[in-house]
Amino acid sequence: MKPSFDEAVQRHFDAISARDIEAFKKHLSRGETLYTIVQNGHAFKTPAEIIAVHEAWFKDPNWIWEGKIVHKVVGEDLAMALVQYDYRAKAEDKPVSTWLIYVFQLQEGEWRIVHDQNTALDFPAFARAAGLTE
């Protein structure tokens, strides 16, 4: 029986919100390539790179991340989730909205992310919130 895609995405959301790096890693491709394209267009290319980014991010206790699936397509062994999420660097900050596309593949009987694409709706606001500009 194929695992629930909705449950897999929710477990991934929960891992992010809980800053649980071990749970986060379980949702990533077992392959050597995992493109993760972030808001400024930079492409990370391996699971190890994106794990390192998230390990550093998860150490910050102040941010708030809230995501919801806007659209999904689920096939036999590939699935896509279009996600809109709000990010706040601190609880009192105004949320910055971002589009996110996750492409999952069934690997070893589990849905795992094989591509991750972020697009900030307002990149200057996102950059300020994330401390990427002065």
Foldseek 3Di string as FASTA:
>chain_A
DADDPVVLVVQCVVCLQQLPLVSNLVQADPDQFAWAQDAVGDTDTGSVVVSVVSNVVSVQPAKGKDKDFPDKDDDDFKIKTWMWMWMALHPPDDTWIKIKMFMWGQDPRGTHTRYIYIHTPDVVVVCVRVVVDD
